[in-house]
Amino acid sequence: MSEALEKLLPMIDPLSAEDRIELMDYLSTKPGPGIDREFDPDEWEFEYAAEIQRRIEDSLNGRSKTIPSDEVFRQVDELLKAKRSTVP
């Protein structure tokens, strides 16, 4: 995580749900540093669909490792418990 993001996160935590939605809308439509073009929702949707198709094909052809959902939820529970134990 960058130093800038570490400084920004504490300012985001107290935002209301409405403010968070506005922030997400703002960030999703603005190009970041080094990006020389505007966000195109149609292009993003095409790229996303292509990525989904690639992942499906990888799964069906045995090129990707799948994890049973109960194992995923167990790992998430462990991570959340560890996170909660470190929060003052």
PDB file of N, CA and C in Angstrom:
ATOM      1  N   MET A   1       0.853  -1.170   0.000  1.00  0.00           N
ATOM      2  CA  MET A   1       0.000   0.000   0.000  1.00  0.00           C
ATOM      3  C   MET A   1       0.897   1.230   0.000  1.00  0.00           C
ATOM      4  N   SER A   2       0.524   2.181  -0.827  1.00  0.00           N
ATOM      5  CA  SER A   2       1.339   3.390  -0.914  1.00  0.00           C
ATOM      6  C   SER A   2       1.144   4.262   0.321  1.00  0.00           C
ATOM      7  N   GLU A   3       2.118   5.139   0.530  1.00  0.00           N
ATOM      8  CA  GLU A   3       2.044   6.061   1.660  1.00  0.00           C
ATOM      9  C   GLU A   3       0.847   6.998   1.504  1.00  0.00           C
ATOM     10  N   ALA A   4       0.587   7.425   0.273  1.00  0.00           N
ATOM     11  CA  ALA A   4      -0.552   8.319   0.018  1.00  0.00           C
ATOM     12  C   ALA A   4      -1.867   7.645   0.397  1.00  0.00           C
ATOM     13  N   LEU A   5      -2.004   6.365   0.045  1.00  0.00           N
ATOM     14  CA  LEU A   5      -3.235   5.644   0.372  1.00  0.00           C
ATOM     15  C   LEU A   5      -3.355   5.436   1.880  1.00  0.00           C
ATOM     16  N   GLU A   6      -2.249   5.156   2.538  1.00  0.00           N
ATOM     17  CA  GLU A   6      -2.276   4.994   3.990  1.00  0.00           C
ATOM     18  C   GLU A   6      -2.766   6.274   4.671  1.00  0.00           C
ATOM     19  N   LYS A   7      -2.410   7.430   4.137  1.00  0.00           N
ATOM     20  CA  LYS A   7      -2.860   8.697   4.697  1.00  0.00           C
ATOM     21  C   LYS A   7      -4.332   8.962   4.358  1.00  0.00           C
ATOM     22  N   LEU A   8      -4.770   8.471   3.208  1.00  0.00           N
ATOM     23  CA  LEU A   8      -6.133   8.724   2.741  1.00  0.00           C
ATOM     24  C   LEU A   8      -7.177   7.860   3.448  1.00  0.00           C
ATOM     25  N   LEU A   9      -6.853   6.612   3.733  1.00  0.00           N
ATOM     26  CA  LEU A   9      -7.840   5.691   4.307  1.00  0.00           C
ATOM     27  C   LEU A   9      -8.492   6.192   5.598  1.00  0.00           C
ATOM     28  N   PRO A  10      -7.751   6.743   6.545  1.00  0.00           N
ATOM     29  CA  PRO A  10      -8.409   7.243   7.755  1.00  0.00           C
ATOM     30  C   PRO A  10      -9.404   8.381   7.476  1.00  0.00           C
ATOM     31  N   MET A  11      -9.213   9.100   6.383  1.00  0.00           N
ATOM     32  CA  MET A  11     -10.153  10.158   6.036  1.00  0.00           C
ATOM     33  C   MET A  11     -11.419   9.596   5.392  1.00  0.00           C
ATOM     34  N   ILE A  12     -11.321   8.409   4.810  1.00  0.00           N
ATOM     35  CA  ILE A  12     -12.472   7.793   4.152  1.00  0.00           C
ATOM     36  C   ILE A  12     -13.361   7.084   5.163  1.00  0.00           C
ATOM     37  N   ASP A  13     -12.774   6.491   6.181  1.00  0.00           N
ATOM     38  CA  ASP A  13     -13.533   5.710   7.168  1.00  0.00           C
ATOM     39  C   ASP A  13     -14.766   6.422   7.716  1.00  0.00           C
ATOM     40  N   PRO A  14     -14.678   7.691   8.105  1.00  0.00           N
ATOM     41  CA  PRO A  14     -15.864   8.325   8.701  1.00  0.00           C
ATOM     42  C   PRO A  14     -16.918   8.790   7.686  1.00  0.00           C
ATOM     43  N   LEU A  15     -16.683   8.638   6.393  1.00  0.00           N
ATOM     44  CA  LEU A  15     -17.640   9.115   5.391  1.00  0.00           C
ATOM     45  C   LEU A  15     -18.959   8.358   5.480  1.00  0.00           C
ATOM     46  N   SER A  16     -20.031   9.069   5.191  1.00  0.00           N
ATOM     47  CA  SER A  16     -21.351   8.440   5.153  1.00  0.00           C
ATOM     48  C   SER A  16     -21.446   7.538   3.921  1.00  0.00           C
ATOM     49  N   ALA A  17     -22.459   6.688   3.888  1.00  0.00           N
ATOM     50  CA  ALA A  17     -22.659   5.805   2.738  1.00  0.00           C
ATOM     51  C   ALA A  17     -22.848   6.624   1.465  1.00  0.00           C
ATOM     52  N   GLU A  18     -23.589   7.723   1.571  1.00  0.00           N
ATOM     53  CA  GLU A  18     -23.822   8.580   0.407  1.00  0.00           C
ATOM     54  C   GLU A  18     -22.510   9.185  -0.102  1.00  0.00           C
ATOM     55  N   ASP A  19     -21.682   9.673   0.817  1.00  0.00           N
ATOM     56  CA  ASP A  19     -20.387  10.235   0.417  1.00  0.00           C
ATOM     57  C   ASP A  19     -19.483   9.179  -0.196  1.00  0.00           C
ATOM     58  N   ARG A  20     -19.518   7.971   0.334  1.00  0.00           N
ATOM     59  CA  ARG A  20     -18.701   6.887  -0.224  1.00  0.00           C
ATOM     60  C   ARG A  20     -19.129   6.565  -1.644  1.00  0.00           C
ATOM     61  N   ILE A  21     -20.432   6.562  -1.891  1.00  0.00           N
ATOM     62  CA  ILE A  21     -20.934   6.299  -3.240  1.00  0.00           C
ATOM     63  C   ILE A  21     -20.474   7.395  -4.194  1.00  0.00           C
ATOM     64  N   GLU A  22     -20.561   8.646  -3.748  1.00  0.00           N
ATOM     65  CA  GLU A  22     -20.085   9.752  -4.582  1.00  0.00           C
ATOM     66  C   GLU A  22     -18.590   9.623  -4.874  1.00  0.00           C
ATOM     67  N   LEU A  23     -17.815   9.231  -3.866  1.00  0.00           N
ATOM     68  CA  LEU A  23     -16.370   9.050  -4.051  1.00  0.00           C
ATOM     69  C   LEU A  23     -16.097   7.923  -5.051  1.00  0.00           C
ATOM     70  N   MET A  24     -16.812   6.810  -4.918  1.00  0.00           N
ATOM     71  CA  MET A  24     -16.614   5.694  -5.849  1.00  0.00           C
ATOM     72  C   MET A  24     -16.986   6.098  -7.274  1.00  0.00           C
ATOM     73  N   ASP A  25     -18.092   6.839  -7.418  1.00  0.00           N
ATOM     74  CA  ASP A  25     -18.472   7.319  -8.746  1.00  0.00           C
ATOM     75  C   ASP A  25     -17.385   8.213  -9.331  1.00  0.00           C
ATOM     76  N   TYR A  26     -16.862   9.100  -8.504  1.00  0.00           N
ATOM     77  CA  TYR A  26     -15.802   9.999  -8.958  1.00  0.00           C
ATOM     78  C   TYR A  26     -14.571   9.207  -9.409  1.00  0.00           C
ATOM     79  N   LEU A  27     -14.127   8.283  -8.563  1.00  0.00           N
ATOM     80  CA  LEU A  27     -12.922   7.519  -8.881  1.00  0.00           C
ATOM     81  C   LEU A  27     -13.106   6.616 -10.088  1.00  0.00           C
ATOM     82  N   SER A  28     -14.309   6.084 -10.279  1.00  0.00           N
ATOM     83  CA  SER A  28     -14.522   5.148 -11.385  1.00  0.00           C
ATOM     84  C   SER A  28     -14.602   5.840 -12.737  1.00  0.00           C
ATOM     85  N   THR A  29     -14.749   7.161 -12.749  1.00  0.00           N
ATOM     86  CA  THR A  29     -14.875   7.857 -14.028  1.00  0.00           C
ATOM     87  C   THR A  29     -13.668   8.721 -14.368  1.00  0.00           C
ATOM     88  N   LYS A  30     -12.682   8.739 -13.502  1.00  0.00           N
ATOM     89  CA  LYS A  30     -11.500   9.574 -13.739  1.00  0.00           C
ATOM     90  C   LYS A  30     -10.292   8.701 -14.061  1.00  0.00           C
ATOM     91  N   PRO A  31      -9.542   9.087 -15.090  1.00  0.00           N
ATOM     92  CA  PRO A  31      -8.316   8.336 -15.343  1.00  0.00           C
ATOM     93  C   PRO A  31      -7.294   8.641 -14.263  1.00  0.00           C
ATOM     94  N   GLY A  32      -6.485   7.668 -13.928  1.00  0.00           N
ATOM     95  CA  GLY A  32      -5.450   7.866 -12.926  1.00  0.00           C
ATOM     96  C   GLY A  32      -4.182   8.396 -13.558  1.00  0.00           C
ATOM     97  N   PRO A  33      -3.168   8.650 -12.738  1.00  0.00           N
ATOM     98  CA  PRO A  33      -1.884   9.116 -13.273  1.00  0.00           C
ATOM     99  C   PRO A  33      -1.337   8.108 -14.288  1.00  0.00           C
ATOM    100  N   GLY A  34      -0.891   8.612 -15.406  1.00  0.00           N
ATOM    101  CA  GLY A  34      -0.323   7.750 -16.433  1.00  0.00           C
ATOM    102  C   GLY A  34      -1.360   7.151 -17.366  1.00  0.00           C
ATOM    103  N   ILE A  35      -2.646   7.416 -17.104  1.00  0.00           N
ATOM    104  CA  ILE A  35      -3.696   6.932 -17.989  1.00  0.00           C
ATOM    105  C   ILE A  35      -4.109   8.104 -18.864  1.00  0.00           C
ATOM    106  N   ASP A  36      -3.958   7.933 -20.165  1.00  0.00           N
ATOM    107  CA  ASP A  36      -4.132   9.068 -21.064  1.00  0.00           C
ATOM    108  C   ASP A  36      -5.509   9.128 -21.727  1.00  0.00           C
ATOM    109  N   ARG A  37      -6.493   8.411 -21.179  1.00  0.00           N
ATOM    110  CA  ARG A  37      -7.816   8.476 -21.791  1.00  0.00           C
ATOM    111  C   ARG A  37      -8.888   8.353 -20.719  1.00  0.00           C
ATOM    112  N   GLU A  38     -10.085   8.759 -21.083  1.00  0.00           N
ATOM    113  CA  GLU A  38     -11.216   8.698 -20.171  1.00  0.00           C
ATOM    114  C   GLU A  38     -11.718   7.266 -20.032  1.00  0.00           C
ATOM    115  N   PHE A  39     -12.382   7.005 -18.959  1.00  0.00           N
ATOM    116  CA  PHE A  39     -13.001   5.718 -18.691  1.00  0.00           C
ATOM    117  C   PHE A  39     -14.154   5.506 -19.664  1.00  0.00           C
ATOM    118  N   ASP A  40     -14.194   4.355 -20.324  1.00  0.00           N
ATOM    119  CA  ASP A  40     -15.263   4.022 -21.270  1.00  0.00           C
ATOM    120  C   ASP A  40     -16.011   2.808 -20.742  1.00  0.00           C
ATOM    121  N   PRO A  41     -17.229   3.003 -20.211  1.00  0.00           N
ATOM    122  CA  PRO A  41     -17.976   1.878 -19.630  1.00  0.00           C
ATOM    123  C   PRO A  41     -18.202   0.735 -20.605  1.00  0.00           C
ATOM    124  N   ASP A  42     -18.446   1.048 -21.888  1.00  0.00           N
ATOM    125  CA  ASP A  42     -18.666  -0.015 -22.875  1.00  0.00           C
ATOM    126  C   ASP A  42     -17.406  -0.854 -23.075  1.00  0.00           C
ATOM    127  N   GLU A  43     -16.261  -0.189 -23.137  1.00  0.00           N
ATOM    128  CA  GLU A  43     -14.998  -0.912 -23.295  1.00  0.00           C
ATOM    129  C   GLU A  43     -14.711  -1.755 -22.058  1.00  0.00           C
ATOM    130  N   TRP A  44     -14.968  -1.193 -20.889  1.00  0.00           N
ATOM    131  CA  TRP A  44     -14.749  -1.937 -19.650  1.00  0.00           C
ATOM    132  C   TRP A  44     -15.628  -3.178 -19.635  1.00  0.00           C
ATOM    133  N   GLU A  45     -16.903  -3.037 -20.024  1.00  0.00           N
ATOM    134  CA  GLU A  45     -17.810  -4.179 -20.032  1.00  0.00           C
ATOM    135  C   GLU A  45     -17.322  -5.263 -20.994  1.00  0.00           C
ATOM    136  N   PHE A  46     -16.823  -4.858 -22.158  1.00  0.00           N
ATOM    137  CA  PHE A  46     -16.281  -5.816 -23.127  1.00  0.00           C
ATOM    138  C   PHE A  46     -15.071  -6.537 -22.543  1.00  0.00           C
ATOM    139  N   GLU A  47     -14.145  -5.779 -21.940  1.00  0.00           N
ATOM    140  CA  GLU A  47     -12.946  -6.374 -21.356  1.00  0.00           C
ATOM    141  C   GLU A  47     -13.304  -7.310 -20.199  1.00  0.00           C
ATOM    142  N   TYR A  48     -14.261  -6.902 -19.398  1.00  0.00           N
ATOM    143  CA  TYR A  48     -14.691  -7.717 -18.266  1.00  0.00           C
ATOM    144  C   TYR A  48     -15.305  -9.030 -18.758  1.00  0.00           C
ATOM    145  N   ALA A  49     -16.158  -8.947 -19.766  1.00  0.00           N
ATOM    146  CA  ALA A  49     -16.776 -10.155 -20.328  1.00  0.00           C
ATOM    147  C   ALA A  49     -15.710 -11.085 -20.903  1.00  0.00           C
ATOM    148  N   ALA A  50     -14.696 -10.519 -21.557  1.00  0.00           N
ATOM    149  CA  ALA A  50     -13.619 -11.335 -22.111  1.00  0.00           C
ATOM    150  C   ALA A  50     -12.834 -12.028 -20.999  1.00  0.00           C
ATOM    151  N   GLU A  51     -12.596 -11.325 -19.903  1.00  0.00           N
ATOM    152  CA  GLU A  51     -11.880 -11.917 -18.763  1.00  0.00           C
ATOM    153  C   GLU A  51     -12.702 -13.029 -18.126  1.00  0.00           C
ATOM    154  N   ILE A  52     -13.997 -12.821 -17.986  1.00  0.00           N
ATOM    155  CA  ILE A  52     -14.863 -13.870 -17.436  1.00  0.00           C
ATOM    156  C   ILE A  52     -14.806 -15.104 -18.323  1.00  0.00           C
ATOM    157  N   GLN A  53     -14.900 -14.914 -19.622  1.00  0.00           N
ATOM    158  CA  GLN A  53     -14.854 -16.041 -20.563  1.00  0.00           C
ATOM    159  C   GLN A  53     -13.522 -16.777 -20.453  1.00  0.00           C
ATOM    160  N   ARG A  54     -12.428 -16.033 -20.354  1.00  0.00           N
ATOM    161  CA  ARG A  54     -11.106 -16.658 -20.225  1.00  0.00           C
ATOM    162  C   ARG A  54     -11.035 -17.502 -18.958  1.00  0.00           C
ATOM    163  N   ARG A  55     -11.553 -16.983 -17.861  1.00  0.00           N
ATOM    164  CA  ARG A  55     -11.520 -17.720 -16.596  1.00  0.00           C
ATOM    165  C   ARG A  55     -12.383 -18.979 -16.650  1.00  0.00           C
ATOM    166  N   ILE A  56     -13.527 -18.876 -17.289  1.00  0.00           N
ATOM    167  CA  ILE A  56     -14.383 -20.059 -17.449  1.00  0.00           C
ATOM    168  C   ILE A  56     -13.652 -21.126 -18.243  1.00  0.00           C
ATOM    169  N   GLU A  57     -13.045 -20.725 -19.348  1.00  0.00           N
ATOM    170  CA  GLU A  57     -12.303 -21.679 -20.176  1.00  0.00           C
ATOM    171  C   GLU A  57     -11.140 -22.291 -19.407  1.00  0.00           C
ATOM    172  N   ASP A  58     -10.416 -21.486 -18.639  1.00  0.00           N
ATOM    173  CA  ASP A  58      -9.314 -22.008 -17.832  1.00  0.00           C
ATOM    174  C   ASP A  58      -9.819 -23.037 -16.828  1.00  0.00           C
ATOM    175  N   SER A  59     -10.945 -22.755 -16.219  1.00  0.00           N
ATOM    176  CA  SER A  59     -11.509 -23.683 -15.237  1.00  0.00           C
ATOM    177  C   SER A  59     -11.948 -24.989 -15.894  1.00  0.00           C
ATOM    178  N   LEU A  60     -12.650 -24.866 -17.003  1.00  0.00           N
ATOM    179  CA  LEU A  60     -13.149 -26.060 -17.697  1.00  0.00           C
ATOM    180  C   LEU A  60     -12.021 -26.922 -18.249  1.00  0.00           C
ATOM    181  N   ASN A  61     -10.904 -26.295 -18.621  1.00  0.00           N
ATOM    182  CA  ASN A  61      -9.775 -27.021 -19.199  1.00  0.00           C
ATOM    183  C   ASN A  61      -8.720 -27.412 -18.172  1.00  0.00           C
ATOM    184  N   GLY A  62      -9.010 -27.183 -16.888  1.00  0.00           N
ATOM    185  CA  GLY A  62      -8.089 -27.589 -15.837  1.00  0.00           C
ATOM    186  C   GLY A  62      -6.856 -26.719 -15.702  1.00  0.00           C
ATOM    187  N   ARG A  63      -6.871 -25.521 -16.250  1.00  0.00           N
ATOM    188  CA  ARG A  63      -5.710 -24.628 -16.173  1.00  0.00           C
ATOM    189  C   ARG A  63      -5.735 -23.730 -14.949  1.00  0.00           C
ATOM    190  N   SER A  64      -6.809 -23.795 -14.178  1.00  0.00           N
ATOM    191  CA  SER A  64      -6.866 -22.976 -12.968  1.00  0.00           C
ATOM    192  C   SER A  64      -7.222 -23.861 -11.783  1.00  0.00           C
ATOM    193  N   LYS A  65      -6.769 -23.435 -10.623  1.00  0.00           N
ATOM    194  CA  LYS A  65      -7.036 -24.173  -9.399  1.00  0.00           C
ATOM    195  C   LYS A  65      -8.298 -23.610  -8.758  1.00  0.00           C
ATOM    196  N   THR A  66      -9.232 -24.467  -8.453  1.00  0.00           N
ATOM    197  CA  THR A  66     -10.442 -24.011  -7.774  1.00  0.00           C
ATOM    198  C   THR A  66     -10.346 -24.360  -6.292  1.00  0.00           C
ATOM    199  N   ILE A  67     -11.039 -23.589  -5.501  1.00  0.00           N
ATOM    200  CA  ILE A  67     -11.065 -23.810  -4.055  1.00  0.00           C
ATOM    201  C   ILE A  67     -12.528 -23.957  -3.647  1.00  0.00           C
ATOM    202  N   PRO A  68     -12.862 -25.035  -2.936  1.00  0.00           N
ATOM    203  CA  PRO A  68     -14.242 -25.212  -2.495  1.00  0.00           C
ATOM    204  C   PRO A  68     -14.707 -24.026  -1.651  1.00  0.00           C
ATOM    205  N   SER A  69     -15.975 -23.669  -1.792  1.00  0.00           N
ATOM    206  CA  SER A  69     -16.492 -22.482  -1.104  1.00  0.00           C
ATOM    207  C   SER A  69     -16.344 -22.578   0.407  1.00  0.00           C
ATOM    208  N   ASP A  70     -16.510 -23.778   0.991  1.00  0.00           N
ATOM    209  CA  ASP A  70     -16.368 -23.879   2.441  1.00  0.00           C
ATOM    210  C   ASP A  70     -14.951 -23.547   2.885  1.00  0.00           C
ATOM    211  N   GLU A  71     -13.971 -23.883   2.057  1.00  0.00           N
ATOM    212  CA  GLU A  71     -12.575 -23.541   2.367  1.00  0.00           C
ATOM    213  C   GLU A  71     -12.362 -22.029   2.244  1.00  0.00           C
ATOM    214  N   VAL A  72     -12.936 -21.424   1.219  1.00  0.00           N
ATOM    215  CA  VAL A  72     -12.821 -19.970   1.032  1.00  0.00           C
ATOM    216  C   VAL A  72     -13.418 -19.251   2.237  1.00  0.00           C
ATOM    217  N   PHE A  73     -14.633 -19.653   2.650  1.00  0.00           N
ATOM    218  CA  PHE A  73     -15.279 -19.007   3.791  1.00  0.00           C
ATOM    219  C   PHE A  73     -14.491 -19.225   5.081  1.00  0.00           C
ATOM    220  N   ARG A  74     -13.875 -20.387   5.243  1.00  0.00           N
ATOM    221  CA  ARG A  74     -13.060 -20.652   6.420  1.00  0.00           C
ATOM    222  C   ARG A  74     -11.860 -19.703   6.444  1.00  0.00           C
ATOM    223  N   GLN A  75     -11.222 -19.537   5.286  1.00  0.00           N
ATOM    224  CA  GLN A  75     -10.068 -18.636   5.208  1.00  0.00           C
ATOM    225  C   GLN A  75     -10.473 -17.183   5.476  1.00  0.00           C
ATOM    226  N   VAL A  76     -11.610 -16.776   4.935  1.00  0.00           N
ATOM    227  CA  VAL A  76     -12.097 -15.414   5.165  1.00  0.00           C
ATOM    228  C   VAL A  76     -12.381 -15.212   6.649  1.00  0.00           C
ATOM    229  N   ASP A  77     -13.035 -16.200   7.283  1.00  0.00           N
ATOM    230  CA  ASP A  77     -13.305 -16.106   8.721  1.00  0.00           C
ATOM    231  C   ASP A  77     -12.015 -15.948   9.519  1.00  0.00           C
ATOM    232  N   GLU A  78     -10.999 -16.726   9.171  1.00  0.00           N
ATOM    233  CA  GLU A  78      -9.711 -16.627   9.865  1.00  0.00           C
ATOM    234  C   GLU A  78      -9.095 -15.241   9.700  1.00  0.00           C
ATOM    235  N   LEU A  79      -9.135 -14.730   8.471  1.00  0.00           N
ATOM    236  CA  LEU A  79      -8.574 -13.401   8.222  1.00  0.00           C
ATOM    237  C   LEU A  79      -9.332 -12.327   8.990  1.00  0.00           C
ATOM    238  N   LEU A  80     -10.658 -12.420   9.013  1.00  0.00           N
ATOM    239  CA  LEU A  80     -11.449 -11.426   9.739  1.00  0.00           C
ATOM    240  C   LEU A  80     -11.198 -11.507  11.240  1.00  0.00           C
ATOM    241  N   LYS A  81     -11.089 -12.710  11.768  1.00  0.00           N
ATOM    242  CA  LYS A  81     -10.806 -12.865  13.202  1.00  0.00           C
ATOM    243  C   LYS A  81      -9.447 -12.265  13.538  1.00  0.00           C
ATOM    244  N   ALA A  82      -8.464 -12.521  12.695  1.00  0.00           N
ATOM    245  CA  ALA A  82      -7.131 -11.971  12.933  1.00  0.00           C
ATOM    246  C   ALA A  82      -7.163 -10.447  12.848  1.00  0.00           C
ATOM    247  N   LYS A  83      -7.899  -9.921  11.898  1.00  0.00           N
ATOM    248  CA  LYS A  83      -8.004  -8.460  11.731  1.00  0.00           C
ATOM    249  C   LYS A  83      -8.686  -7.839  12.947  1.00  0.00           C
ATOM    250  N   ARG A  84      -9.759  -8.468  13.409  1.00  0.00           N
ATOM    251  CA  ARG A  84     -10.498  -7.932  14.563  1.00  0.00           C
ATOM    252  C   ARG A  84      -9.653  -7.969  15.818  1.00  0.00           C
ATOM    253  N   SER A  85      -8.785  -8.959  15.949  1.00  0.00           N
ATOM    254  CA  SER A  85      -7.981  -9.063  17.163  1.00  0.00           C
ATOM    255  C   SER A  85      -6.871  -8.018  17.212  1.00  0.00           C
ATOM    256  N   THR A  86      -6.544  -7.420  16.064  1.00  0.00           N
ATOM    257  CA  THR A  86      -5.490  -6.410  16.036  1.00  0.00           C
ATOM    258  C   THR A  86      -6.045  -4.990  16.079  1.00  0.00           C
ATOM    259  N   VAL A  87      -7.362  -4.830  15.910  1.00  0.00           N
ATOM    260  CA  VAL A  87      -7.986  -3.515  15.949  1.00  0.00           C
ATOM    261  C   VAL A  87      -8.246  -3.126  17.394  1.00  0.00           C
ATOM    262  N   PRO A  88      -7.773  -1.939  17.786  1.00  0.00           N
ATOM    263  CA  PRO A  88      -7.956  -1.519  19.191  1.00  0.00           C
ATOM    264  C   PRO A  88      -9.409  -1.249  19.522  1.00  0.00           C
TER     265      PRO A  88
END
